[in-house]
N, C-alpha and C. Protein backbone atom coordinates (compact mmCIF):
# COMPACT_ATOMS: atom_id res chain seq x y z
N PHE A 1 91.75 103.79 114.74
CA PHE A 1 91.11 103.55 113.45
C PHE A 1 90.37 102.22 113.45
N GLN A 2 91.00 101.21 114.03
CA GLN A 2 90.37 99.88 113.99
C GLN A 2 89.01 99.90 114.67
N LEU A 3 88.90 100.58 115.80
CA LEU A 3 87.62 100.65 116.50
C LEU A 3 86.58 101.45 115.70
N VAL A 4 86.99 102.57 115.15
CA VAL A 4 86.06 103.39 114.35
C VAL A 4 85.64 102.62 113.11
N ASN A 5 86.55 101.89 112.53
CA ASN A 5 86.25 101.11 111.33
C ASN A 5 85.29 99.97 111.63
N GLN A 6 85.47 99.29 112.76
CA GLN A 6 84.63 98.14 113.08
C GLN A 6 83.32 98.51 113.74
N PHE A 7 83.29 99.63 114.47
CA PHE A 7 82.08 100.05 115.17
C PHE A 7 81.77 101.52 114.89
N PRO A 8 81.42 101.85 113.67
CA PRO A 8 81.23 103.27 113.31
C PRO A 8 80.07 103.93 114.05
N ASP A 9 79.07 103.15 114.48
CA ASP A 9 77.90 103.74 115.16
C ASP A 9 78.24 104.28 116.55
N TYR A 10 79.35 103.86 117.12
CA TYR A 10 79.69 104.24 118.48
C TYR A 10 80.50 105.53 118.57
N PHE A 11 80.91 106.08 117.44
CA PHE A 11 81.81 107.24 117.49
C PHE A 11 81.20 108.45 116.81
N GLU A 12 81.38 109.59 117.45
CA GLU A 12 80.84 110.85 116.96
C GLU A 12 81.62 111.37 115.75
N PHE A 13 82.82 110.91 115.56
CA PHE A 13 83.66 111.35 114.45
C PHE A 13 83.90 110.18 113.50
N ASN A 14 84.41 110.48 112.32
CA ASN A 14 84.66 109.43 111.33
C ASN A 14 86.17 109.19 111.15
N ALA A 15 86.52 108.33 110.23
CA ALA A 15 87.93 107.97 110.01
C ALA A 15 88.74 109.15 109.46
N ARG A 16 88.09 110.05 108.76
CA ARG A 16 88.81 111.23 108.24
C ARG A 16 89.30 112.12 109.38
N TYR A 17 88.53 112.19 110.46
CA TYR A 17 88.93 112.94 111.65
C TYR A 17 90.24 112.37 112.18
N LEU A 18 90.31 111.06 112.27
CA LEU A 18 91.54 110.41 112.75
C LEU A 18 92.70 110.62 111.78
N LEU A 19 92.40 110.63 110.50
CA LEU A 19 93.44 110.86 109.50
C LEU A 19 94.03 112.26 109.65
N LEU A 20 93.18 113.26 109.80
CA LEU A 20 93.69 114.63 109.99
C LEU A 20 94.47 114.74 111.29
N LEU A 21 93.98 114.10 112.34
CA LEU A 21 94.68 114.11 113.62
C LEU A 21 96.06 113.48 113.47
N SER A 22 96.14 112.35 112.77
CA SER A 22 97.44 111.68 112.59
C SER A 22 98.39 112.50 111.72
N GLU A 23 97.86 113.26 110.78
CA GLU A 23 98.71 114.10 109.94
C GLU A 23 99.28 115.28 110.73
N HIS A 24 98.48 115.86 111.62
CA HIS A 24 98.89 117.07 112.32
C HIS A 24 99.65 116.81 113.62
N ILE A 25 99.81 115.57 114.00
CA ILE A 25 100.59 115.28 115.20
C ILE A 25 102.01 115.82 115.05
N TYR A 26 102.59 115.64 113.87
CA TYR A 26 103.97 116.06 113.64
C TYR A 26 104.09 117.29 112.73
N SER A 27 102.97 117.92 112.40
CA SER A 27 103.04 119.06 111.48
C SER A 27 103.50 120.35 112.15
N CYS A 28 103.40 120.43 113.48
CA CYS A 28 103.75 121.62 114.26
C CYS A 28 102.88 122.82 113.88
N ARG A 29 101.80 122.58 113.21
CA ARG A 29 100.87 123.66 112.87
C ARG A 29 100.05 124.03 114.10
N PHE A 30 99.83 123.08 114.97
CA PHE A 30 99.04 123.29 116.18
C PHE A 30 99.92 122.99 117.39
N GLY A 31 99.73 123.73 118.45
CA GLY A 31 100.52 123.53 119.66
C GLY A 31 99.90 122.56 120.63
N THR A 32 98.73 122.04 120.32
CA THR A 32 97.98 121.20 121.23
C THR A 32 98.77 119.97 121.69
N LEU A 33 99.52 119.36 120.81
CA LEU A 33 100.21 118.11 121.15
C LEU A 33 101.72 118.30 121.33
N LEU A 34 102.18 119.54 121.41
CA LEU A 34 103.60 119.78 121.65
C LEU A 34 103.89 119.72 123.14
N CYS A 35 105.11 119.46 123.50
CA CYS A 35 105.59 119.35 124.89
C CYS A 35 105.04 118.10 125.57
N ASP A 36 105.50 117.88 126.81
CA ASP A 36 105.11 116.67 127.53
C ASP A 36 103.92 116.84 128.45
N SER A 37 103.59 118.05 128.80
CA SER A 37 102.47 118.25 129.72
C SER A 37 101.82 119.61 129.46
N GLU A 38 100.65 119.80 130.05
CA GLU A 38 99.95 121.08 129.94
C GLU A 38 100.78 122.19 130.57
N ARG A 39 101.46 121.88 131.67
CA ARG A 39 102.29 122.89 132.35
C ARG A 39 103.41 123.37 131.43
N GLU A 40 104.08 122.45 130.75
CA GLU A 40 105.14 122.85 129.82
C GLU A 40 104.60 123.70 128.68
N ARG A 41 103.42 123.33 128.17
CA ARG A 41 102.84 124.10 127.08
C ARG A 41 102.51 125.52 127.52
N GLU A 42 101.99 125.66 128.75
CA GLU A 42 101.55 126.98 129.23
C GLU A 42 102.69 127.83 129.78
N VAL A 43 103.41 127.29 130.75
CA VAL A 43 104.38 128.09 131.50
C VAL A 43 105.72 128.19 130.78
N VAL A 44 106.27 127.05 130.41
CA VAL A 44 107.63 127.04 129.86
C VAL A 44 107.66 127.55 128.42
N ALA A 45 106.80 127.01 127.57
CA ALA A 45 106.89 127.34 126.15
C ALA A 45 105.93 128.44 125.71
N GLY A 46 104.87 128.68 126.45
CA GLY A 46 103.89 129.69 126.07
C GLY A 46 103.26 129.40 124.71
N ILE A 47 102.95 128.14 124.48
CA ILE A 47 102.49 127.71 123.16
C ILE A 47 101.08 128.17 122.85
N ARG A 48 100.21 128.23 123.83
CA ARG A 48 98.82 128.59 123.57
C ARG A 48 98.71 129.98 122.93
N GLN A 49 99.57 130.89 123.31
CA GLN A 49 99.52 132.24 122.77
C GLN A 49 100.08 132.30 121.34
N ARG A 50 100.93 131.35 120.96
CA ARG A 50 101.61 131.40 119.67
C ARG A 50 101.05 130.45 118.63
N THR A 51 100.22 129.49 119.00
CA THR A 51 99.72 128.49 118.03
C THR A 51 98.21 128.35 118.16
N TYR A 52 97.64 127.67 117.21
CA TYR A 52 96.20 127.40 117.19
C TYR A 52 95.92 126.08 117.91
N CYS A 53 94.68 125.90 118.32
CA CYS A 53 94.25 124.67 118.97
C CYS A 53 93.76 123.68 117.92
N MET A 54 94.30 122.47 117.95
CA MET A 54 93.91 121.45 116.99
C MET A 54 92.45 121.05 117.15
N TRP A 55 91.96 120.98 118.36
CA TRP A 55 90.59 120.53 118.62
C TRP A 55 89.59 121.52 118.05
N GLU A 56 89.87 122.81 118.18
CA GLU A 56 88.98 123.82 117.60
C GLU A 56 88.97 123.71 116.08
N TYR A 57 90.12 123.46 115.49
CA TYR A 57 90.21 123.30 114.04
C TYR A 57 89.40 122.09 113.58
N LEU A 58 89.58 120.95 114.25
CA LEU A 58 88.85 119.74 113.86
C LEU A 58 87.35 119.90 114.07
N ASP A 59 86.95 120.60 115.13
CA ASP A 59 85.52 120.82 115.39
C ASP A 59 84.90 121.76 114.36
N SER A 60 85.70 122.57 113.70
CA SER A 60 85.17 123.53 112.74
C SER A 60 84.88 122.90 111.37
N ILE A 61 85.26 121.66 111.15
CA ILE A 61 85.05 121.00 109.86
C ILE A 61 83.84 120.06 109.99
N PRO A 62 82.71 120.41 109.37
CA PRO A 62 81.50 119.60 109.52
C PRO A 62 81.58 118.22 108.88
N ASP A 63 82.45 118.02 107.90
CA ASP A 63 82.56 116.72 107.23
C ASP A 63 83.15 115.63 108.13
N LEU A 64 83.69 116.01 109.27
CA LEU A 64 84.34 115.04 110.15
C LEU A 64 83.36 114.39 111.12
N ILE A 65 82.13 114.86 111.13
CA ILE A 65 81.12 114.30 112.03
C ILE A 65 80.52 113.05 111.39
N ASN A 66 80.37 112.02 112.18
CA ASN A 66 79.84 110.74 111.71
C ASN A 66 78.32 110.85 111.57
N PRO A 67 77.77 110.70 110.38
CA PRO A 67 76.32 110.85 110.20
C PRO A 67 75.50 109.71 110.80
N VAL A 68 76.09 108.55 111.02
CA VAL A 68 75.34 107.41 111.57
C VAL A 68 75.42 107.33 113.09
N PHE A 69 76.13 108.26 113.71
CA PHE A 69 76.27 108.24 115.17
C PHE A 69 74.95 108.64 115.82
N ASP A 70 74.52 107.85 116.79
CA ASP A 70 73.31 108.16 117.55
C ASP A 70 73.70 108.25 119.02
N ARG A 71 73.70 109.46 119.54
CA ARG A 71 74.15 109.70 120.91
C ARG A 71 73.32 108.91 121.93
N ALA A 72 72.01 108.89 121.76
CA ALA A 72 71.14 108.21 122.72
C ALA A 72 71.45 106.71 122.76
N THR A 73 71.58 106.10 121.61
CA THR A 73 71.90 104.67 121.55
C THR A 73 73.28 104.39 122.13
N SER A 74 74.22 105.26 121.84
CA SER A 74 75.58 105.08 122.34
C SER A 74 75.64 105.20 123.86
N GLU A 75 74.92 106.18 124.42
CA GLU A 75 74.91 106.34 125.87
C GLU A 75 74.18 105.18 126.54
N LYS A 76 73.11 104.69 125.92
CA LYS A 76 72.37 103.57 126.49
C LYS A 76 73.21 102.30 126.47
N ALA A 77 74.00 102.11 125.41
CA ALA A 77 74.83 100.91 125.29
C ALA A 77 75.98 100.93 126.28
N GLY A 78 76.43 102.11 126.68
CA GLY A 78 77.51 102.21 127.65
C GLY A 78 78.87 102.06 127.00
N VAL A 79 79.79 101.48 127.77
CA VAL A 79 81.17 101.33 127.31
C VAL A 79 81.24 100.24 126.24
N LEU A 80 82.02 100.49 125.22
CA LEU A 80 82.21 99.53 124.14
C LEU A 80 83.27 98.52 124.57
N LEU A 81 82.83 97.32 124.89
CA LEU A 81 83.73 96.24 125.27
C LEU A 81 83.49 95.08 124.31
N MET A 82 84.47 94.80 123.49
CA MET A 82 84.33 93.69 122.56
C MET A 82 85.38 92.65 122.87
N PRO A 83 85.12 91.38 122.58
CA PRO A 83 86.12 90.34 122.80
C PRO A 83 87.35 90.60 121.94
N LEU A 84 88.52 90.42 122.52
CA LEU A 84 89.77 90.68 121.82
C LEU A 84 89.90 89.86 120.53
N PRO A 85 89.52 88.55 120.53
CA PRO A 85 89.64 87.81 119.27
C PRO A 85 88.80 88.42 118.14
N MET A 86 87.64 88.95 118.50
CA MET A 86 86.79 89.57 117.49
C MET A 86 87.46 90.83 116.92
N LEU A 87 88.05 91.61 117.78
CA LEU A 87 88.74 92.81 117.35
C LEU A 87 89.94 92.47 116.46
N LEU A 88 90.73 91.50 116.87
CA LEU A 88 91.93 91.13 116.12
C LEU A 88 91.61 90.45 114.79
N ARG A 89 90.51 89.73 114.75
CA ARG A 89 90.13 89.03 113.53
C ARG A 89 89.73 90.01 112.42
N ASN A 90 89.23 91.17 112.81
CA ASN A 90 88.74 92.13 111.83
C ASN A 90 89.68 93.30 111.59
N VAL A 91 90.95 93.17 111.96
CA VAL A 91 91.92 94.24 111.74
C VAL A 91 92.16 94.39 110.24
N THR A 92 92.13 95.65 109.79
CA THR A 92 92.38 95.94 108.37
C THR A 92 93.46 97.01 108.25
N LEU A 93 94.07 97.08 107.10
CA LEU A 93 95.07 98.09 106.83
C LEU A 93 94.37 99.44 106.68
N TRP A 94 94.91 100.46 107.32
CA TRP A 94 94.39 101.81 107.21
C TRP A 94 94.97 102.41 105.93
N VAL A 95 94.33 102.13 104.84
CA VAL A 95 94.84 102.49 103.52
C VAL A 95 95.01 104.00 103.38
N ASP A 96 94.04 104.78 103.88
CA ASP A 96 94.12 106.23 103.74
C ASP A 96 95.35 106.80 104.42
N ARG A 97 95.84 106.14 105.46
CA ARG A 97 97.01 106.65 106.19
C ARG A 97 98.32 106.04 105.68
N PHE A 98 98.35 104.72 105.61
CA PHE A 98 99.61 104.05 105.33
C PHE A 98 99.92 103.93 103.83
N CYS A 99 98.93 104.14 102.99
CA CYS A 99 99.15 104.14 101.54
C CYS A 99 98.86 105.52 100.96
N MET A 100 98.97 106.53 101.79
CA MET A 100 98.61 107.89 101.42
C MET A 100 99.43 108.40 100.24
N TYR A 101 100.71 108.10 100.21
CA TYR A 101 101.58 108.67 99.20
C TYR A 101 101.91 107.71 98.07
N GLY A 102 101.31 106.54 98.08
CA GLY A 102 101.57 105.57 97.02
C GLY A 102 100.69 105.84 95.82
N ALA A 103 101.01 105.15 94.74
CA ALA A 103 100.20 105.29 93.53
C ALA A 103 98.82 104.70 93.78
N LYS A 104 97.83 105.34 93.25
CA LYS A 104 96.46 104.88 93.44
C LYS A 104 95.89 104.41 92.11
N ALA A 105 95.26 103.27 92.14
CA ALA A 105 94.61 102.76 90.93
C ALA A 105 93.39 103.60 90.64
N SER A 106 93.20 103.92 89.39
CA SER A 106 92.02 104.71 89.05
C SER A 106 91.52 104.30 87.68
N ILE A 107 90.22 104.38 87.53
CA ILE A 107 89.58 104.12 86.26
C ILE A 107 88.84 105.40 85.89
N PRO A 108 89.24 106.06 84.82
CA PRO A 108 88.53 107.28 84.46
C PRO A 108 87.10 106.96 84.05
N CYS A 109 86.16 107.66 84.60
CA CYS A 109 84.76 107.44 84.29
C CYS A 109 84.14 108.72 83.77
N MET A 110 83.28 108.58 82.83
CA MET A 110 82.53 109.71 82.30
C MET A 110 81.06 109.33 82.35
N PRO A 111 80.20 110.23 82.79
CA PRO A 111 78.76 109.93 82.77
C PRO A 111 78.27 109.81 81.33
N HIS A 112 77.17 109.08 81.15
CA HIS A 112 76.59 108.96 79.81
C HIS A 112 76.27 110.35 79.28
N GLY A 113 76.54 110.57 78.02
CA GLY A 113 76.20 111.85 77.40
C GLY A 113 77.37 112.79 77.27
N LEU A 114 78.33 112.74 78.18
CA LEU A 114 79.51 113.58 78.05
C LEU A 114 80.48 112.91 77.09
N GLN A 115 81.13 113.71 76.28
CA GLN A 115 82.03 113.14 75.30
C GLN A 115 83.45 113.64 75.53
N TYR A 116 84.36 112.71 75.67
CA TYR A 116 85.77 113.04 75.76
C TYR A 116 86.55 111.90 75.14
N PRO A 117 87.51 112.14 74.36
CA PRO A 117 87.92 113.39 73.75
C PRO A 117 86.85 113.90 72.79
N PRO A 118 86.90 115.19 72.43
CA PRO A 118 85.88 115.76 71.56
C PRO A 118 85.87 115.11 70.18
N GLN A 119 84.75 115.29 69.49
CA GLN A 119 84.57 114.69 68.15
C GLN A 119 85.69 115.08 67.19
N TYR A 120 86.07 116.35 67.20
CA TYR A 120 87.06 116.81 66.24
C TYR A 120 88.43 116.20 66.48
N PHE A 121 88.65 115.64 67.67
CA PHE A 121 89.95 115.08 68.00
C PHE A 121 90.12 113.67 67.46
N LEU A 122 89.08 112.85 67.64
CA LEU A 122 89.20 111.44 67.25
C LEU A 122 88.16 111.00 66.23
N GLY A 123 87.48 111.89 65.62
CA GLY A 123 86.47 111.48 64.66
C GLY A 123 85.22 111.01 65.39
N ASN A 124 84.70 109.86 65.01
CA ASN A 124 83.45 109.37 65.61
C ASN A 124 83.66 108.61 66.91
N HIS A 125 84.89 108.30 67.27
CA HIS A 125 85.16 107.56 68.50
C HIS A 125 85.27 108.55 69.64
N SER A 126 84.19 108.73 70.40
CA SER A 126 84.20 109.84 71.35
C SER A 126 84.12 109.43 72.81
N ILE A 127 83.52 108.31 73.15
CA ILE A 127 83.34 107.99 74.56
C ILE A 127 84.49 107.12 75.02
N VAL A 128 85.24 107.60 76.01
CA VAL A 128 86.37 106.83 76.54
C VAL A 128 85.85 105.81 77.54
N HIS A 129 85.21 106.27 78.57
CA HIS A 129 84.61 105.40 79.59
C HIS A 129 83.25 105.94 79.93
N THR A 130 82.34 105.05 80.26
CA THR A 130 81.03 105.48 80.73
C THR A 130 80.73 104.79 82.04
N VAL A 131 79.90 105.41 82.84
CA VAL A 131 79.55 104.83 84.12
C VAL A 131 78.64 103.63 83.88
N GLY A 132 78.95 102.51 84.43
CA GLY A 132 78.14 101.31 84.28
C GLY A 132 78.51 100.30 85.35
N TYR A 133 77.80 99.20 85.42
CA TYR A 133 78.04 98.23 86.48
C TYR A 133 78.16 96.84 85.88
N GLY A 134 78.95 96.00 86.52
CA GLY A 134 79.04 94.61 86.18
C GLY A 134 80.08 94.30 85.12
N ALA A 135 80.29 93.00 84.94
CA ALA A 135 81.31 92.52 84.01
C ALA A 135 80.92 92.82 82.58
N GLU A 136 79.64 92.74 82.27
CA GLU A 136 79.19 93.02 80.90
C GLU A 136 79.50 94.46 80.51
N SER A 137 79.26 95.38 81.42
CA SER A 137 79.55 96.78 81.16
C SER A 137 81.05 97.01 81.01
N ALA A 138 81.84 96.37 81.85
CA ALA A 138 83.30 96.52 81.77
C ALA A 138 83.83 95.96 80.45
N LEU A 139 83.29 94.83 80.03
CA LEU A 139 83.71 94.23 78.77
C LEU A 139 83.32 95.12 77.59
N ARG A 140 82.10 95.65 77.63
CA ARG A 140 81.64 96.54 76.57
C ARG A 140 82.54 97.78 76.49
N ARG A 141 82.86 98.37 77.66
CA ARG A 141 83.74 99.54 77.69
C ARG A 141 85.12 99.20 77.13
N ALA A 142 85.64 98.03 77.49
CA ALA A 142 86.97 97.62 77.00
C ALA A 142 86.95 97.46 75.49
N LEU A 143 85.88 96.87 74.95
CA LEU A 143 85.78 96.71 73.50
C LEU A 143 85.65 98.06 72.79
N GLU A 144 84.87 98.97 73.38
CA GLU A 144 84.74 100.32 72.80
C GLU A 144 86.08 101.03 72.83
N ASP A 145 86.80 100.89 73.93
CA ASP A 145 88.12 101.52 74.03
C ASP A 145 89.08 100.94 73.00
N ALA A 146 89.07 99.62 72.85
CA ALA A 146 89.96 98.98 71.88
C ALA A 146 89.64 99.48 70.47
N GLU A 147 88.36 99.59 70.16
CA GLU A 147 87.97 100.08 68.84
C GLU A 147 88.38 101.54 68.65
N MET A 148 88.22 102.34 69.71
CA MET A 148 88.62 103.75 69.62
C MET A 148 90.12 103.86 69.37
N TRP A 149 90.93 103.12 70.11
CA TRP A 149 92.38 103.20 69.95
C TRP A 149 92.82 102.60 68.62
N ARG A 150 92.09 101.61 68.12
CA ARG A 150 92.39 101.07 66.80
C ARG A 150 92.19 102.16 65.75
N GLY A 151 91.08 102.88 65.86
CA GLY A 151 90.82 103.98 64.93
C GLY A 151 91.87 105.07 65.03
N THR A 152 92.29 105.37 66.25
CA THR A 152 93.33 106.39 66.45
C THR A 152 94.64 105.94 65.80
N ALA A 153 94.98 104.67 65.98
CA ALA A 153 96.22 104.14 65.39
C ALA A 153 96.14 104.15 63.86
N LEU A 154 94.98 103.80 63.31
CA LEU A 154 94.83 103.83 61.86
C LEU A 154 94.94 105.25 61.32
N ASN A 155 94.36 106.21 62.03
CA ASN A 155 94.48 107.62 61.62
C ASN A 155 95.94 108.06 61.65
N ALA A 156 96.68 107.65 62.67
CA ALA A 156 98.10 108.02 62.78
C ALA A 156 98.89 107.39 61.64
N LEU A 157 98.61 106.13 61.32
CA LEU A 157 99.30 105.48 60.20
C LEU A 157 99.01 106.18 58.88
N LYS A 158 97.76 106.61 58.70
CA LYS A 158 97.40 107.33 57.48
C LYS A 158 98.17 108.64 57.38
N GLU A 159 98.30 109.35 58.51
CA GLU A 159 99.07 110.60 58.51
C GLU A 159 100.53 110.34 58.16
N VAL A 160 101.11 109.27 58.71
CA VAL A 160 102.50 108.94 58.42
C VAL A 160 102.67 108.63 56.93
N GLU A 161 101.74 107.87 56.35
CA GLU A 161 101.81 107.55 54.92
C GLU A 161 101.70 108.81 54.08
N ASP A 162 100.79 109.73 54.46
CA ASP A 162 100.66 110.99 53.73
C ASP A 162 101.95 111.80 53.78
N LEU A 163 102.57 111.85 54.96
CA LEU A 163 103.83 112.58 55.10
C LEU A 163 104.94 111.94 54.26
N ARG A 164 105.01 110.62 54.26
CA ARG A 164 106.01 109.92 53.45
C ARG A 164 105.81 110.23 51.97
N LYS A 165 104.53 110.24 51.55
CA LYS A 165 104.24 110.52 50.15
C LYS A 165 104.66 111.95 49.80
N LYS A 166 104.39 112.91 50.70
CA LYS A 166 104.79 114.30 50.44
C LYS A 166 106.31 114.42 50.34
N VAL A 167 107.02 113.73 51.24
CA VAL A 167 108.48 113.78 51.22
C VAL A 167 109.02 113.17 49.93
N SER A 168 108.47 112.03 49.54
CA SER A 168 108.95 111.39 48.31
C SER A 168 108.62 112.25 47.09
N ASP A 169 107.46 112.92 47.07
CA ASP A 169 107.12 113.82 45.97
C ASP A 169 108.09 114.99 45.91
N LYS A 170 108.45 115.54 47.08
CA LYS A 170 109.42 116.64 47.14
C LYS A 170 110.78 116.19 46.61
N GLU A 171 111.18 114.98 46.99
CA GLU A 171 112.47 114.46 46.53
C GLU A 171 112.47 114.27 45.02
N LYS A 172 111.36 113.78 44.46
CA LYS A 172 111.26 113.60 43.01
C LYS A 172 111.34 114.95 42.30
N GLU A 173 110.66 115.95 42.83
CA GLU A 173 110.68 117.29 42.24
C GLU A 173 112.09 117.86 42.25
N SER A 174 112.79 117.69 43.35
CA SER A 174 114.14 118.25 43.46
C SER A 174 115.12 117.54 42.53
N LYS A 175 114.92 116.24 42.26
CA LYS A 175 115.78 115.51 41.33
C LYS A 175 115.52 115.95 39.90
N GLU A 176 114.25 116.23 39.59
CA GLU A 176 113.90 116.64 38.24
C GLU A 176 114.35 118.07 37.95
N ASP A 177 114.24 118.98 38.93
CA ASP A 177 114.58 120.38 38.73
C ASP A 177 115.51 120.85 39.84
N PRO A 178 116.84 120.68 39.68
CA PRO A 178 117.79 121.09 40.72
C PRO A 178 117.77 122.59 40.97
N ALA A 179 117.44 123.42 39.98
CA ALA A 179 117.40 124.87 40.16
C ALA A 179 116.28 125.27 41.10
N ALA A 180 115.15 124.56 41.03
CA ALA A 180 114.02 124.87 41.93
C ALA A 180 114.40 124.54 43.37
N ASP A 181 115.22 123.52 43.54
CA ASP A 181 115.67 123.14 44.89
C ASP A 181 116.54 124.25 45.49
N LEU A 182 117.40 124.84 44.67
CA LEU A 182 118.26 125.91 45.15
C LEU A 182 117.47 127.17 45.48
N LEU A 183 116.43 127.46 44.69
CA LEU A 183 115.61 128.64 44.96
C LEU A 183 114.77 128.50 46.22
N SER A 184 114.32 127.29 46.48
CA SER A 184 113.47 127.08 47.66
C SER A 184 114.26 127.14 48.96
N SER A 185 115.58 126.87 48.94
CA SER A 185 116.36 126.89 50.16
C SER A 185 117.06 128.17 50.41
């Protein structure tokens, strides 16, 4: 991964190819990497007849091909030999592999013009997030969100007050007319 990440022009495949390869090493879905040698795979275990080839599967997915790879330039450049300090200085965490199952930060985005939640749900406060760039856009979105949630909270408080008023009215009615309370239950 480190080489593909630092020198993407030199490789015919992309980092997703390596990710799929690393996932299927232990999946036992393919027999390509089982056993210790080709002889064991063929003669002892007979794996080729019972499993699929991983390389054929990976070659069948067009998204795994690196679009910036130039075969002519790569062949002309020859072997990729970089100084070790340069390689070590640029080492990065392979987030797609090692943080695969962790929680991922996300910001919900909506393109301009789409409305969510719908008008009937929150009244006039309809845009949750819109696509935009920069700190000014983020601040504007945060203020719009705060205003939307303020309106939602005020609507909820109004509903609670209305319910309290209905309950207190019912209690007053039942105190005034105990016979009506017995008939209603």
